[in-house]
Structures are given as C-alpha cells and as structure tokens.
Amino acid sequence: MTDILSRVISVLPHIKTDIYRYAWAHALRSFCESVREYISASTVTKTECDVNGCNGDYVKNERTTRSQTCGEPKIVQKNYVDQMELAYEPVFSWLSAKDVKVRAEAANCIGELCLMISPKRLVDEMRRLIPILLNLHRKINTDQHLVTQGLCRFLESACADENCPLDAYLEDILNALFPLVYSVAEQTVASNISMRNQSEAFRCFHVAATRFADKIVYYLLHKMQNVQDSSKLGAINVLRHLLNSAGPYVEDKRSLVILGLKPMLLAGSEGLLTIRVKKAMCQLCVALADHEYIDVEGGNNVIIFLVKNLIVQEGET
C-alpha cells in the first residue's frame, strides 16, 4: 500500500484542474480516516481481550493474521508519516483554489493530515495554517461544515501534544466557532448541513477542553455576561454539552463554574432573565445537579434557581 501511495503522492503537485483536486482531496482524507479507524478498532479489540481474557490461541492467531495483513496499529501509522508530509504541501496549496468546494474539501483533508504528520511538522505549520483555516471558515458558507471538521481534526492533533504552542491561537479559534453554537438557540428549523456544522463546533469545544478546560470555562462564563440573549444561550449550551461529554476534564472546575454562574443564577431568581434564557439555565442546572456541582460552596444557588423558575410565574408566557 505504501508503494502505491508513493506513486499517487508524486502526482499531486501536478494536478491543475479543480474537479480532480476535489476528488483527490476527498480520497486522501478518506484514506487517512481509514487508517485511524483501523488503529482505533485494533486498540479496542486489544483492550477488550486484555479485560475479558480472550483465549490465548485465538489472540495469538488473530495477532499473527493482523501482522501479516496490516501490521501493528502504531507501526501502520508511522509507515505513512513521511508520505503524508509530502502530500501536505500540494493539498495546502489547494486552500487557495478558485472553486469554493475544493477549498472546503482541502481544509477538511488538511485536518486529517494533521493527525498523520509528525508533531514537529504540525508545530512548524501552525503559523501559516491557522490564519488560513480561520479565514476560510469566515468566508465560506455553503460547505462551512467541512472547514469546521478540518479545524476539529487540527485541534485533536494539537491538543494531544502538550508541547504544541496552541495557546496564542486558542481565543481566535473559539471566536470563530462560537457564532455556530449560539445560532443553535436562534433557529427553530435547521438544515442537516447546518446541524452538522453546529455538531462539529460543539465537538471542537469538547476537544479543546481536553487540554484547555480552565480557559474554555472562563471563556464561556465571560460570554454569559453579554447583554445579548444569543450569546448567553450559546455559552449555556456549550457548558451543558461539556458537562455531559467532557466531564473528566472539567469536573475539577466545579467551584469555578458555580462561582462564575452566580450572577446569572441570582438574576434568574429575581426574574431578570428572559424566558428563553431561563429555560436554558434550567436545563444547565439539571446537568449541574446530575454531575454533583451543587455539592460545592454556592451550589444552593442552583437549587434556588430551579425552585423559583421551574414553575412559570404569573404574567410570564
């Protein structure tokens, strides 16, 4: 397979037609996804056997078969690092193609390549890659979900390496993604593409929280102080999502979360929030209670908020 891929990659710099660039970017992205899925499935299988105690002969035969056909998971990925780094440059140049679809698909492909190339190469590319991805994300509308997905894969790679200097770019990335999550609150009917875009944006926040949980929490609490309901609703939605999906990464921020939510909780208890924000806050409070956030100092404000707002007061609709 590596021999075939080597021949293919040597052709990439010479592809000038947009329709072929789109096809190759899509194919290369799918190949990277397949490699990662193989690694993930192999890891799960090994873990299950270690936990459940699979038959020794079965495990030996299975591992022999895998080695003969595909090789060990980590070795498989390493085998493609050099080739993916060669593929990175021509695909990167397609980010400036005339066709919007090509640019979007190339951005998605670049995200997958970031998970395949070496950590050193990723660090070297950050300075020119992040501004281009964010600029594309801002300008592209029709296929924006592909760029969002590419950003998410880039974040996965960057957050997996503690030495990757992502800190300086984090707020710019969050600011680009946040309008997608607060648009959820403003839409009653959304298209499948729009929902996919929003789902990828939520996933981006989840991935970023695996390494920058404290910064994400501070960011969301700050957004909740905005006078616009859309900003409040977006921050509430993301925080609730993180409580349910990234619990282990934010659970040590319980005191910070409760302290930061205190102004919103008190405002809601005094009837100073709109119905939509109150409803979202009630959902957040249920998640807070479910994850034992009410046990910390100030957690009683969550209970008071729920008691006062679960029943519609006279004059409210």
C-alpha atoms as a PDB file:
ATOM      1  CA  MET A   1       0.000   0.000   0.000  1.00  0.00           C
ATOM      2  CA  THR A   2       2.837   2.400   0.797  1.00  0.00           C
ATOM      3  CA  ASP A   3       4.294   1.766  -2.663  1.00  0.00           C
ATOM      4  CA  ILE A   4       1.002   2.663  -4.363  1.00  0.00           C
ATOM      5  CA  LEU A   5       0.607   5.744  -2.177  1.00  0.00           C
ATOM      6  CA  SER A   6       4.120   6.915  -3.066  1.00  0.00           C
ATOM      7  CA  ARG A   7       3.223   6.906  -6.752  1.00  0.00           C
ATOM      8  CA  VAL A   8      -0.016   8.751  -6.092  1.00  0.00           C
ATOM      9  CA  ILE A   9       1.572  11.484  -3.978  1.00  0.00           C
ATOM     10  CA  SER A  10       4.162  12.249  -6.652  1.00  0.00           C
ATOM     11  CA  VAL A  11       1.270  13.167  -8.957  1.00  0.00           C
ATOM     12  CA  LEU A  12      -0.493  15.598  -6.559  1.00  0.00           C
ATOM     13  CA  PRO A  13       1.638  18.707  -7.297  1.00  0.00           C
ATOM     14  CA  HIS A  14       0.809  18.379 -10.995  1.00  0.00           C
ATOM     15  CA  ILE A  15      -2.988  18.335 -10.639  1.00  0.00           C
ATOM     16  CA  LYS A  16      -4.268  21.646 -12.002  1.00  0.00           C
ATOM     17  CA  THR A  17      -7.986  21.009 -12.566  1.00  0.00           C
ATOM     18  CA  ASP A  18     -10.269  21.822  -9.639  1.00  0.00           C
ATOM     19  CA  ILE A  19     -12.573  18.858 -10.143  1.00  0.00           C
ATOM     20  CA  TYR A  20      -9.603  16.476  -9.840  1.00  0.00           C
ATOM     21  CA  ARG A  21      -8.211  18.372  -6.854  1.00  0.00           C
ATOM     22  CA  TYR A  22     -11.553  17.927  -5.103  1.00  0.00           C
ATOM     23  CA  ALA A  23     -11.580  14.194  -5.882  1.00  0.00           C
ATOM     24  CA  TRP A  24      -8.001  13.656  -4.691  1.00  0.00           C
ATOM     25  CA  ALA A  25      -8.502  15.681  -1.506  1.00  0.00           C
ATOM     26  CA  HIS A  26     -11.619  13.662  -0.714  1.00  0.00           C
ATOM     27  CA  ALA A  27      -9.847  10.357  -1.463  1.00  0.00           C
ATOM     28  CA  LEU A  28      -6.794  11.234   0.616  1.00  0.00           C
ATOM     29  CA  ARG A  29      -8.978  12.324   3.532  1.00  0.00           C
ATOM     30  CA  SER A  30     -10.911   9.056   3.355  1.00  0.00           C
ATOM     31  CA  PHE A  31      -7.659   7.090   3.344  1.00  0.00           C
ATOM     32  CA  CYS A  32      -6.429   8.900   6.481  1.00  0.00           C
ATOM     33  CA  GLU A  33      -9.769   8.253   8.175  1.00  0.00           C
ATOM     34  CA  SER A  34      -9.499   4.556   7.317  1.00  0.00           C
ATOM     35  CA  VAL A  35      -6.021   4.308   8.835  1.00  0.00           C
ATOM     36  CA  ARG A  36      -7.216   5.985  12.037  1.00  0.00           C
ATOM     37  CA  GLU A  37     -10.304   3.782  12.218  1.00  0.00           C
ATOM     38  CA  TYR A  38      -8.126   0.688  11.848  1.00  0.00           C
ATOM     39  CA  ILE A  39      -5.863   1.879  14.676  1.00  0.00           C
ATOM     40  CA  SER A  40      -8.863   2.687  16.881  1.00  0.00           C
ATOM     41  CA  ALA A  41     -10.576  -0.650  16.204  1.00  0.00           C
ATOM     42  CA  SER A  42      -7.360  -2.579  16.847  1.00  0.00           C
ATOM     43  CA  THR A  43      -6.826  -0.765  20.137  1.00  0.00           C
ATOM     44  CA  VAL A  44     -10.389  -1.509  21.273  1.00  0.00           C
ATOM     45  CA  THR A  45     -10.048  -5.184  20.334  1.00  0.00           C
ATOM     46  CA  LYS A  46      -6.794  -5.495  22.265  1.00  0.00           C
ATOM     47  CA  THR A  47      -8.277  -3.751  25.305  1.00  0.00           C
ATOM     48  CA  GLU A  48     -11.337  -5.998  25.306  1.00  0.00           C
ATOM     49  CA  CYS A  49      -9.153  -9.089  25.143  1.00  0.00           C
ATOM     50  CA  ASP A  50      -6.954  -7.825  27.993  1.00  0.00           C
ATOM     51  CA  VAL A  51     -10.005  -7.076  30.146  1.00  0.00           C
ATOM     52  CA  ASN A  52     -12.100 -10.132  29.322  1.00  0.00           C
ATOM     53  CA  GLY A  53      -9.261 -12.618  28.964  1.00  0.00           C
ATOM     54  CA  CYS A  54      -9.567 -13.965  25.427  1.00  0.00           C
ATOM     55  CA  ASN A  55      -8.444 -17.482  24.564  1.00  0.00           C
ATOM     56  CA  GLY A  56      -4.660 -17.499  24.200  1.00  0.00           C
ATOM     57  CA  ASP A  57      -4.583 -19.403  20.898  1.00  0.00           C
ATOM     58  CA  TYR A  58      -7.279 -17.147  19.445  1.00  0.00           C
ATOM     59  CA  VAL A  59      -5.387 -13.984  20.397  1.00  0.00           C
ATOM     60  CA  LYS A  60      -2.126 -15.356  19.039  1.00  0.00           C
ATOM     61  CA  ASN A  61      -3.724 -16.360  15.728  1.00  0.00           C
ATOM     62  CA  GLU A  62      -5.570 -13.044  15.464  1.00  0.00           C
ATOM     63  CA  ARG A  63      -2.422 -11.016  16.088  1.00  0.00           C
ATOM     64  CA  THR A  64      -0.459 -13.138  13.615  1.00  0.00           C
ATOM     65  CA  THR A  65      -3.138 -12.549  10.962  1.00  0.00           C
ATOM     66  CA  ARG A  66      -3.159  -8.784  11.620  1.00  0.00           C
ATOM     67  CA  SER A  67       0.633  -8.590  11.452  1.00  0.00           C
ATOM     68  CA  GLN A  68       0.712 -10.470   8.175  1.00  0.00           C
ATOM     69  CA  THR A  69      -2.000  -8.385   6.536  1.00  0.00           C
ATOM     70  CA  CYS A  70      -1.783  -4.890   8.023  1.00  0.00           C
ATOM     71  CA  GLY A  71       0.876  -4.743  10.691  1.00  0.00           C
ATOM     72  CA  GLU A  72       0.746  -3.410  14.237  1.00  0.00           C
ATOM     73  CA  PRO A  73      -1.507  -0.319  14.562  1.00  0.00           C
ATOM     74  CA  LYS A  74       1.116   2.221  15.660  1.00  0.00           C
ATOM     75  CA  ILE A  75       3.619   0.923  13.121  1.00  0.00           C
ATOM     76  CA  VAL A  76       0.999   1.287  10.391  1.00  0.00           C
ATOM     77  CA  GLN A  77       0.536   4.980  11.179  1.00  0.00           C
ATOM     78  CA  LYS A  78       4.279   5.621  11.363  1.00  0.00           C
ATOM     79  CA  ASN A  79       4.719   3.991   7.974  1.00  0.00           C
ATOM     80  CA  TYR A  80       2.654   6.768   6.393  1.00  0.00           C
ATOM     81  CA  VAL A  81       4.103   9.810   8.185  1.00  0.00           C
ATOM     82  CA  ASP A  82       6.698  10.680   5.526  1.00  0.00           C
ATOM     83  CA  GLN A  83       4.222  10.219   2.696  1.00  0.00           C
ATOM     84  CA  MET A  84       1.534  12.328   4.367  1.00  0.00           C
ATOM     85  CA  GLU A  85       4.040  15.104   4.958  1.00  0.00           C
ATOM     86  CA  LEU A  86       4.813  15.046   1.241  1.00  0.00           C
ATOM     87  CA  ALA A  87       1.088  15.163   0.444  1.00  0.00           C
ATOM     88  CA  TYR A  88       0.530  18.054   2.856  1.00  0.00           C
ATOM     89  CA  GLU A  89       2.170  20.747   0.704  1.00  0.00           C
ATOM     90  CA  PRO A  90       0.159  20.284  -2.532  1.00  0.00           C
ATOM     91  CA  VAL A  91      -3.103  19.913  -0.595  1.00  0.00           C
ATOM     92  CA  PHE A  92      -2.255  23.075   1.365  1.00  0.00           C
ATOM     93  CA  SER A  93      -1.853  24.970  -1.908  1.00  0.00           C
ATOM     94  CA  TRP A  94      -5.399  23.920  -2.860  1.00  0.00           C
ATOM     95  CA  LEU A  95      -6.733  26.012   0.031  1.00  0.00           C
ATOM     96  CA  SER A  96      -6.433  28.985  -2.349  1.00  0.00           C
ATOM     97  CA  ALA A  97      -8.211  27.291  -5.279  1.00  0.00           C
ATOM     98  CA  LYS A  98     -10.879  29.238  -7.174  1.00  0.00           C
ATOM     99  CA  ASP A  99     -13.601  26.652  -6.539  1.00  0.00           C
ATOM    100  CA  VAL A 100     -15.129  27.018  -3.067  1.00  0.00           C
ATOM    101  CA  LYS A 101     -15.843  23.288  -2.852  1.00  0.00           C
ATOM    102  CA  VAL A 102     -12.186  22.496  -3.486  1.00  0.00           C
ATOM    103  CA  ARG A 103     -11.070  24.902  -0.751  1.00  0.00           C
ATOM    104  CA  ALA A 104     -13.534  23.412   1.738  1.00  0.00           C
ATOM    105  CA  GLU A 105     -12.584  19.819   0.942  1.00  0.00           C
ATOM    106  CA  ALA A 106      -8.882  20.691   1.060  1.00  0.00           C
ATOM    107  CA  ALA A 107      -9.388  22.236   4.516  1.00  0.00           C
ATOM    108  CA  ASN A 108     -11.068  19.048   5.691  1.00  0.00           C
ATOM    109  CA  CYS A 109      -8.263  16.959   4.207  1.00  0.00           C
ATOM    110  CA  ILE A 110      -5.617  19.146   5.865  1.00  0.00           C
ATOM    111  CA  GLY A 111      -7.283  18.490   9.206  1.00  0.00           C
ATOM    112  CA  GLU A 112      -6.951  14.738   8.683  1.00  0.00           C
ATOM    113  CA  LEU A 113      -3.344  15.115   7.537  1.00  0.00           C
ATOM    114  CA  CYS A 114      -2.574  16.980  10.781  1.00  0.00           C
ATOM    115  CA  LEU A 115      -3.411  13.757  12.621  1.00  0.00           C
ATOM    116  CA  MET A 116      -0.989  11.797  10.435  1.00  0.00           C
ATOM    117  CA  ILE A 117       2.062  14.051  10.180  1.00  0.00           C
ATOM    118  CA  SER A 118       4.719  14.344  12.885  1.00  0.00           C
ATOM    119  CA  PRO A 119       4.158  16.674  15.884  1.00  0.00           C
ATOM    120  CA  LYS A 120       7.204  18.729  14.844  1.00  0.00           C
ATOM    121  CA  ARG A 121       5.791  19.326  11.375  1.00  0.00           C
ATOM    122  CA  LEU A 122       2.460  20.352  12.895  1.00  0.00           C
ATOM    123  CA  VAL A 123       4.161  22.954  15.104  1.00  0.00           C
ATOM    124  CA  ASP A 124       6.098  24.277  12.108  1.00  0.00           C
ATOM    125  CA  GLU A 125       2.878  24.650  10.101  1.00  0.00           C
ATOM    126  CA  MET A 126       0.716  26.340  12.737  1.00  0.00           C
ATOM    127  CA  ARG A 127       1.732  29.918  11.998  1.00  0.00           C
ATOM    128  CA  ARG A 128       0.541  29.775   8.398  1.00  0.00           C
ATOM    129  CA  LEU A 129      -2.165  27.123   8.733  1.00  0.00           C
ATOM    130  CA  ILE A 130      -4.394  28.583  11.466  1.00  0.00           C
ATOM    131  CA  PRO A 131      -4.930  32.034   9.859  1.00  0.00           C
ATOM    132  CA  ILE A 132      -5.832  30.434   6.531  1.00  0.00           C
ATOM    133  CA  LEU A 133      -8.291  27.973   8.102  1.00  0.00           C
ATOM    134  CA  LEU A 134      -9.969  30.733  10.124  1.00  0.00           C
ATOM    135  CA  ASN A 135     -10.155  32.988   7.073  1.00  0.00           C
ATOM    136  CA  LEU A 136     -11.747  30.179   5.046  1.00  0.00           C
ATOM    137  CA  HIS A 137     -14.157  29.450   7.873  1.00  0.00           C
ATOM    138  CA  ARG A 138     -15.271  33.063   7.885  1.00  0.00           C
ATOM    139  CA  LYS A 139     -15.710  33.377   4.118  1.00  0.00           C
ATOM    140  CA  ILE A 140     -17.211  30.003   3.161  1.00  0.00           C
ATOM    141  CA  ASN A 141     -20.911  29.478   3.794  1.00  0.00           C
ATOM    142  CA  THR A 142     -22.174  26.582   1.676  1.00  0.00           C
ATOM    143  CA  ASP A 143     -19.595  23.982   2.746  1.00  0.00           C
ATOM    144  CA  GLN A 144     -18.524  25.574   6.008  1.00  0.00           C
ATOM    145  CA  HIS A 145     -19.105  22.310   7.897  1.00  0.00           C
ATOM    146  CA  LEU A 146     -16.132  20.789   6.044  1.00  0.00           C
ATOM    147  CA  VAL A 147     -13.839  23.577   7.256  1.00  0.00           C
ATOM    148  CA  THR A 148     -15.242  23.208  10.781  1.00  0.00           C
ATOM    149  CA  GLN A 149     -14.500  19.496  10.653  1.00  0.00           C
ATOM    150  CA  GLY A 150     -10.971  20.220   9.443  1.00  0.00           C
ATOM    151  CA  LEU A 151     -10.499  22.636  12.354  1.00  0.00           C
ATOM    152  CA  CYS A 152     -11.723  19.950  14.742  1.00  0.00           C
ATOM    153  CA  ARG A 153      -9.197  17.406  13.445  1.00  0.00           C
ATOM    154  CA  PHE A 154      -6.442  20.010  13.720  1.00  0.00           C
ATOM    155  CA  LEU A 155      -7.459  20.636  17.346  1.00  0.00           C
ATOM    156  CA  GLU A 156      -7.378  16.901  18.050  1.00  0.00           C
ATOM    157  CA  SER A 157      -3.789  16.754  16.872  1.00  0.00           C
ATOM    158  CA  ALA A 158      -2.691  19.964  18.612  1.00  0.00           C
ATOM    159  CA  CYS A 159      -4.386  19.146  21.940  1.00  0.00           C
ATOM    160  CA  ALA A 160      -2.869  15.655  22.013  1.00  0.00           C
ATOM    161  CA  ASP A 161       0.602  17.214  22.287  1.00  0.00           C
ATOM    162  CA  GLU A 162       1.122  19.246  25.480  1.00  0.00           C
ATOM    163  CA  ASN A 163       4.134  20.928  23.890  1.00  0.00           C
ATOM    164  CA  CYS A 164       2.196  22.228  20.903  1.00  0.00           C
ATOM    165  CA  PRO A 165       2.032  26.058  21.284  1.00  0.00           C
ATOM    166  CA  LEU A 166      -1.691  26.433  20.649  1.00  0.00           C
ATOM    167  CA  ASP A 167      -2.366  28.892  23.482  1.00  0.00           C
ATOM    168  CA  ALA A 168      -1.760  32.008  21.400  1.00  0.00           C
ATOM    169  CA  TYR A 169      -4.325  30.945  18.794  1.00  0.00           C
ATOM    170  CA  LEU A 170      -6.994  29.439  21.056  1.00  0.00           C
ATOM    171  CA  GLU A 171      -9.177  32.524  21.543  1.00  0.00           C
ATOM    172  CA  ASP A 172      -9.225  33.283  17.806  1.00  0.00           C
ATOM    173  CA  ILE A 173     -10.363  29.718  17.127  1.00  0.00           C
ATOM    174  CA  LEU A 174     -13.080  29.863  19.807  1.00  0.00           C
ATOM    175  CA  ASN A 175     -14.306  33.226  18.498  1.00  0.00           C
ATOM    176  CA  ALA A 176     -14.642  31.725  15.014  1.00  0.00           C
ATOM    177  CA  LEU A 177     -16.627  28.750  16.315  1.00  0.00           C
ATOM    178  CA  PHE A 178     -18.841  30.465  18.880  1.00  0.00           C
ATOM    179  CA  PRO A 179     -21.313  32.024  16.378  1.00  0.00           C
ATOM    180  CA  LEU A 180     -22.173  28.484  15.262  1.00  0.00           C
ATOM    181  CA  VAL A 181     -23.195  27.379  18.751  1.00  0.00           C
ATOM    182  CA  TYR A 182     -25.240  30.442  19.618  1.00  0.00           C
ATOM    183  CA  SER A 183     -27.036  30.200  16.276  1.00  0.00           C
ATOM    184  CA  VAL A 184     -28.477  26.919  17.616  1.00  0.00           C
ATOM    185  CA  ALA A 185     -30.534  28.901  20.075  1.00  0.00           C
ATOM    186  CA  GLU A 186     -31.874  31.213  17.374  1.00  0.00           C
ATOM    187  CA  GLN A 187     -33.017  28.539  14.940  1.00  0.00           C
ATOM    188  CA  THR A 188     -36.283  26.680  15.175  1.00  0.00           C
ATOM    189  CA  VAL A 189     -35.667  24.696  11.997  1.00  0.00           C
ATOM    190  CA  ALA A 190     -32.176  23.890  10.757  1.00  0.00           C
ATOM    191  CA  SER A 191     -30.935  22.022   7.714  1.00  0.00           C
ATOM    192  CA  ASN A 192     -28.909  18.830   8.002  1.00  0.00           C
ATOM    193  CA  ILE A 193     -25.791  20.700   6.855  1.00  0.00           C
ATOM    194  CA  SER A 194     -26.356  23.404   9.465  1.00  0.00           C
ATOM    195  CA  MET A 195     -26.824  20.801  12.185  1.00  0.00           C
ATOM    196  CA  ARG A 196     -23.638  19.009  11.127  1.00  0.00           C
ATOM    197  CA  ASN A 197     -21.775  22.305  11.265  1.00  0.00           C
ATOM    198  CA  GLN A 198     -23.080  23.001  14.760  1.00  0.00           C
ATOM    199  CA  SER A 199     -22.271  19.461  15.911  1.00  0.00           C
ATOM    200  CA  GLU A 200     -18.680  19.841  14.697  1.00  0.00           C
ATOM    201  CA  ALA A 201     -18.443  23.201  16.511  1.00  0.00           C
ATOM    202  CA  PHE A 202     -19.584  21.558  19.762  1.00  0.00           C
ATOM    203  CA  ARG A 203     -17.029  18.829  19.185  1.00  0.00           C
ATOM    204  CA  CYS A 204     -14.314  21.472  18.713  1.00  0.00           C
ATOM    205  CA  PHE A 205     -15.103  22.890  22.152  1.00  0.00           C
ATOM    206  CA  HIS A 206     -15.030  19.367  23.600  1.00  0.00           C
ATOM    207  CA  VAL A 207     -11.633  18.629  22.052  1.00  0.00           C
ATOM    208  CA  ALA A 208     -10.192  21.973  23.195  1.00  0.00           C
ATOM    209  CA  ALA A 209     -11.456  21.284  26.723  1.00  0.00           C
ATOM    210  CA  THR A 210      -9.338  18.128  26.950  1.00  0.00           C
ATOM    211  CA  ARG A 211      -6.291  20.384  27.241  1.00  0.00           C
ATOM    212  CA  PHE A 212      -7.590  23.890  27.984  1.00  0.00           C
ATOM    213  CA  ALA A 213     -10.568  23.236  30.264  1.00  0.00           C
ATOM    214  CA  ASP A 214      -9.873  26.217  32.507  1.00  0.00           C
ATOM    215  CA  LYS A 215      -9.610  28.646  29.579  1.00  0.00           C
ATOM    216  CA  ILE A 216     -12.772  27.260  27.986  1.00  0.00           C
ATOM    217  CA  VAL A 217     -14.730  27.682  31.237  1.00  0.00           C
ATOM    218  CA  TYR A 218     -13.505  31.269  31.686  1.00  0.00           C
ATOM    219  CA  TYR A 219     -14.383  31.985  28.035  1.00  0.00           C
ATOM    220  CA  LEU A 220     -17.943  30.675  28.407  1.00  0.00           C
ATOM    221  CA  LEU A 221     -18.568  32.436  31.710  1.00  0.00           C
ATOM    222  CA  HIS A 222     -17.442  35.692  30.103  1.00  0.00           C
ATOM    223  CA  LYS A 223     -19.825  35.143  27.173  1.00  0.00           C
ATOM    224  CA  MET A 224     -22.708  34.671  29.619  1.00  0.00           C
ATOM    225  CA  GLN A 225     -22.219  38.248  30.837  1.00  0.00           C
ATOM    226  CA  ASN A 226     -23.014  39.589  27.362  1.00  0.00           C
ATOM    227  CA  VAL A 227     -26.231  41.619  27.160  1.00  0.00           C
ATOM    228  CA  GLN A 228     -27.398  39.679  24.102  1.00  0.00           C
ATOM    229  CA  ASP A 229     -29.511  36.594  24.778  1.00  0.00           C
ATOM    230  CA  SER A 230     -27.938  34.777  21.837  1.00  0.00           C
ATOM    231  CA  SER A 231     -24.507  34.965  23.468  1.00  0.00           C
ATOM    232  CA  LYS A 232     -25.883  33.822  26.827  1.00  0.00           C
ATOM    233  CA  LEU A 233     -27.734  30.920  25.202  1.00  0.00           C
ATOM    234  CA  GLY A 234     -24.701  29.843  23.203  1.00  0.00           C
ATOM    235  CA  ALA A 235     -22.448  29.783  26.258  1.00  0.00           C
ATOM    236  CA  ILE A 236     -25.072  27.901  28.286  1.00  0.00           C
ATOM    237  CA  ASN A 237     -25.458  25.314  25.518  1.00  0.00           C
ATOM    238  CA  VAL A 238     -21.700  24.725  25.248  1.00  0.00           C
ATOM    239  CA  LEU A 239     -21.214  24.476  29.012  1.00  0.00           C
ATOM    240  CA  ARG A 240     -24.053  21.950  29.295  1.00  0.00           C
ATOM    241  CA  HIS A 241     -22.512  19.992  26.412  1.00  0.00           C
ATOM    242  CA  LEU A 242     -19.123  19.917  28.157  1.00  0.00           C
ATOM    243  CA  LEU A 243     -20.634  18.770  31.453  1.00  0.00           C
ATOM    244  CA  ASN A 244     -22.197  15.802  29.678  1.00  0.00           C
ATOM    245  CA  SER A 245     -19.408  14.947  27.219  1.00  0.00           C
ATOM    246  CA  ALA A 246     -16.130  16.145  28.753  1.00  0.00           C
ATOM    247  CA  GLY A 247     -16.885  15.583  32.427  1.00  0.00           C
ATOM    248  CA  PRO A 248     -13.454  14.250  33.490  1.00  0.00           C
ATOM    249  CA  TYR A 249     -11.744  17.338  32.065  1.00  0.00           C
ATOM    250  CA  VAL A 250     -13.976  19.939  33.730  1.00  0.00           C
ATOM    251  CA  GLU A 251     -15.005  18.246  36.979  1.00  0.00           C
ATOM    252  CA  ASP A 252     -12.140  19.860  38.911  1.00  0.00           C
ATOM    253  CA  LYS A 253     -13.548  23.250  37.829  1.00  0.00           C
ATOM    254  CA  ARG A 254     -16.739  22.807  39.889  1.00  0.00           C
ATOM    255  CA  SER A 255     -16.076  25.723  42.250  1.00  0.00           C
ATOM    256  CA  LEU A 256     -15.095  27.998  39.352  1.00  0.00           C
ATOM    257  CA  VAL A 257     -18.233  27.115  37.394  1.00  0.00           C
ATOM    258  CA  ILE A 258     -20.603  27.680  40.318  1.00  0.00           C
ATOM    259  CA  LEU A 259     -18.884  30.948  41.272  1.00  0.00           C
ATOM    260  CA  GLY A 260     -18.983  32.173  37.667  1.00  0.00           C
ATOM    261  CA  LEU A 261     -22.661  31.264  37.272  1.00  0.00           C
ATOM    262  CA  LYS A 262     -23.697  33.050  40.479  1.00  0.00           C
ATOM    263  CA  PRO A 263     -24.662  36.373  38.781  1.00  0.00           C
ATOM    264  CA  MET A 264     -26.846  34.501  36.231  1.00  0.00           C
ATOM    265  CA  LEU A 265     -28.433  32.344  38.925  1.00  0.00           C
ATOM    266  CA  LEU A 266     -29.258  35.333  41.107  1.00  0.00           C
ATOM    267  CA  ALA A 267     -30.588  37.309  38.144  1.00  0.00           C
ATOM    268  CA  GLY A 268     -32.843  34.386  37.228  1.00  0.00           C
ATOM    269  CA  SER A 269     -34.081  34.028  40.782  1.00  0.00           C
ATOM    270  CA  GLU A 270     -35.008  37.727  40.766  1.00  0.00           C
ATOM    271  CA  GLY A 271     -36.842  37.481  37.444  1.00  0.00           C
ATOM    272  CA  LEU A 272     -34.282  39.476  35.443  1.00  0.00           C
ATOM    273  CA  LEU A 273     -33.728  36.905  32.657  1.00  0.00           C
ATOM    274  CA  THR A 274     -35.871  36.271  29.595  1.00  0.00           C
ATOM    275  CA  ILE A 275     -37.952  33.107  29.336  1.00  0.00           C
ATOM    276  CA  ARG A 276     -35.595  31.571  26.744  1.00  0.00           C
ATOM    277  CA  VAL A 277     -32.530  32.140  28.912  1.00  0.00           C
ATOM    278  CA  LYS A 278     -34.356  30.837  31.999  1.00  0.00           C
ATOM    279  CA  LYS A 279     -35.317  27.668  30.141  1.00  0.00           C
ATOM    280  CA  ALA A 280     -31.712  27.098  29.025  1.00  0.00           C
ATOM    281  CA  MET A 281     -30.450  27.812  32.543  1.00  0.00           C
ATOM    282  CA  CYS A 282     -32.910  25.282  33.995  1.00  0.00           C
ATOM    283  CA  GLN A 283     -31.508  22.643  31.635  1.00  0.00           C
ATOM    284  CA  LEU A 284     -27.980  23.618  32.659  1.00  0.00           C
ATOM    285  CA  CYS A 285     -28.903  23.456  36.344  1.00  0.00           C
ATOM    286  CA  VAL A 286     -30.247  19.921  35.907  1.00  0.00           C
ATOM    287  CA  ALA A 287     -26.904  18.947  34.333  1.00  0.00           C
ATOM    288  CA  LEU A 288     -25.043  20.658  37.189  1.00  0.00           C
ATOM    289  CA  ALA A 289     -27.062  18.704  39.751  1.00  0.00           C
ATOM    290  CA  ASP A 290     -26.584  15.462  37.827  1.00  0.00           C
ATOM    291  CA  HIS A 291     -22.806  15.910  37.931  1.00  0.00           C
ATOM    292  CA  GLU A 292     -22.681  16.890  41.628  1.00  0.00           C
ATOM    293  CA  TYR A 293     -21.796  20.537  41.089  1.00  0.00           C
ATOM    294  CA  ILE A 294     -24.351  21.547  43.726  1.00  0.00           C
ATOM    295  CA  ASP A 295     -22.209  19.930  46.417  1.00  0.00           C
ATOM    296  CA  VAL A 296     -19.615  22.726  46.310  1.00  0.00           C
ATOM    297  CA  GLU A 297     -19.926  26.091  48.059  1.00  0.00           C
ATOM    298  CA  GLY A 298     -22.607  28.187  46.375  1.00  0.00           C
ATOM    299  CA  GLY A 299     -24.364  25.151  44.926  1.00  0.00           C
ATOM    300  CA  ASN A 300     -27.509  26.095  46.821  1.00  0.00           C
ATOM    301  CA  ASN A 301     -27.991  28.923  44.290  1.00  0.00           C
ATOM    302  CA  VAL A 302     -28.605  26.257  41.642  1.00  0.00           C
ATOM    303  CA  ILE A 303     -31.379  24.694  43.736  1.00  0.00           C
ATOM    304  CA  ILE A 304     -32.939  28.088  44.488  1.00  0.00           C
ATOM    305  CA  PHE A 305     -32.908  28.958  40.792  1.00  0.00           C
ATOM    306  CA  LEU A 306     -34.655  25.699  39.889  1.00  0.00           C
ATOM    307  CA  VAL A 307     -37.296  26.048  42.598  1.00  0.00           C
ATOM    308  CA  LYS A 308     -38.161  29.584  41.510  1.00  0.00           C
ATOM    309  CA  ASN A 309     -38.124  29.009  37.753  1.00  0.00           C
ATOM    310  CA  LEU A 310     -39.457  25.532  37.048  1.00  0.00           C
ATOM    311  CA  ILE A 311     -42.943  26.953  37.521  1.00  0.00           C
ATOM    312  CA  VAL A 312     -43.983  29.814  35.255  1.00  0.00           C
ATOM    313  CA  GLN A 313     -44.751  32.854  37.346  1.00  0.00           C
ATOM    314  CA  GLU A 314     -47.950  34.874  36.906  1.00  0.00           C
ATOM    315  CA  GLY A 315     -47.649  37.276  33.998  1.00  0.00           C
ATOM    316  CA  GLU A 316     -44.978  35.229  32.162  1.00  0.00           C
ATOM    317  CA  THR A 317     -45.665  33.469  28.875  1.00  0.00           C
END
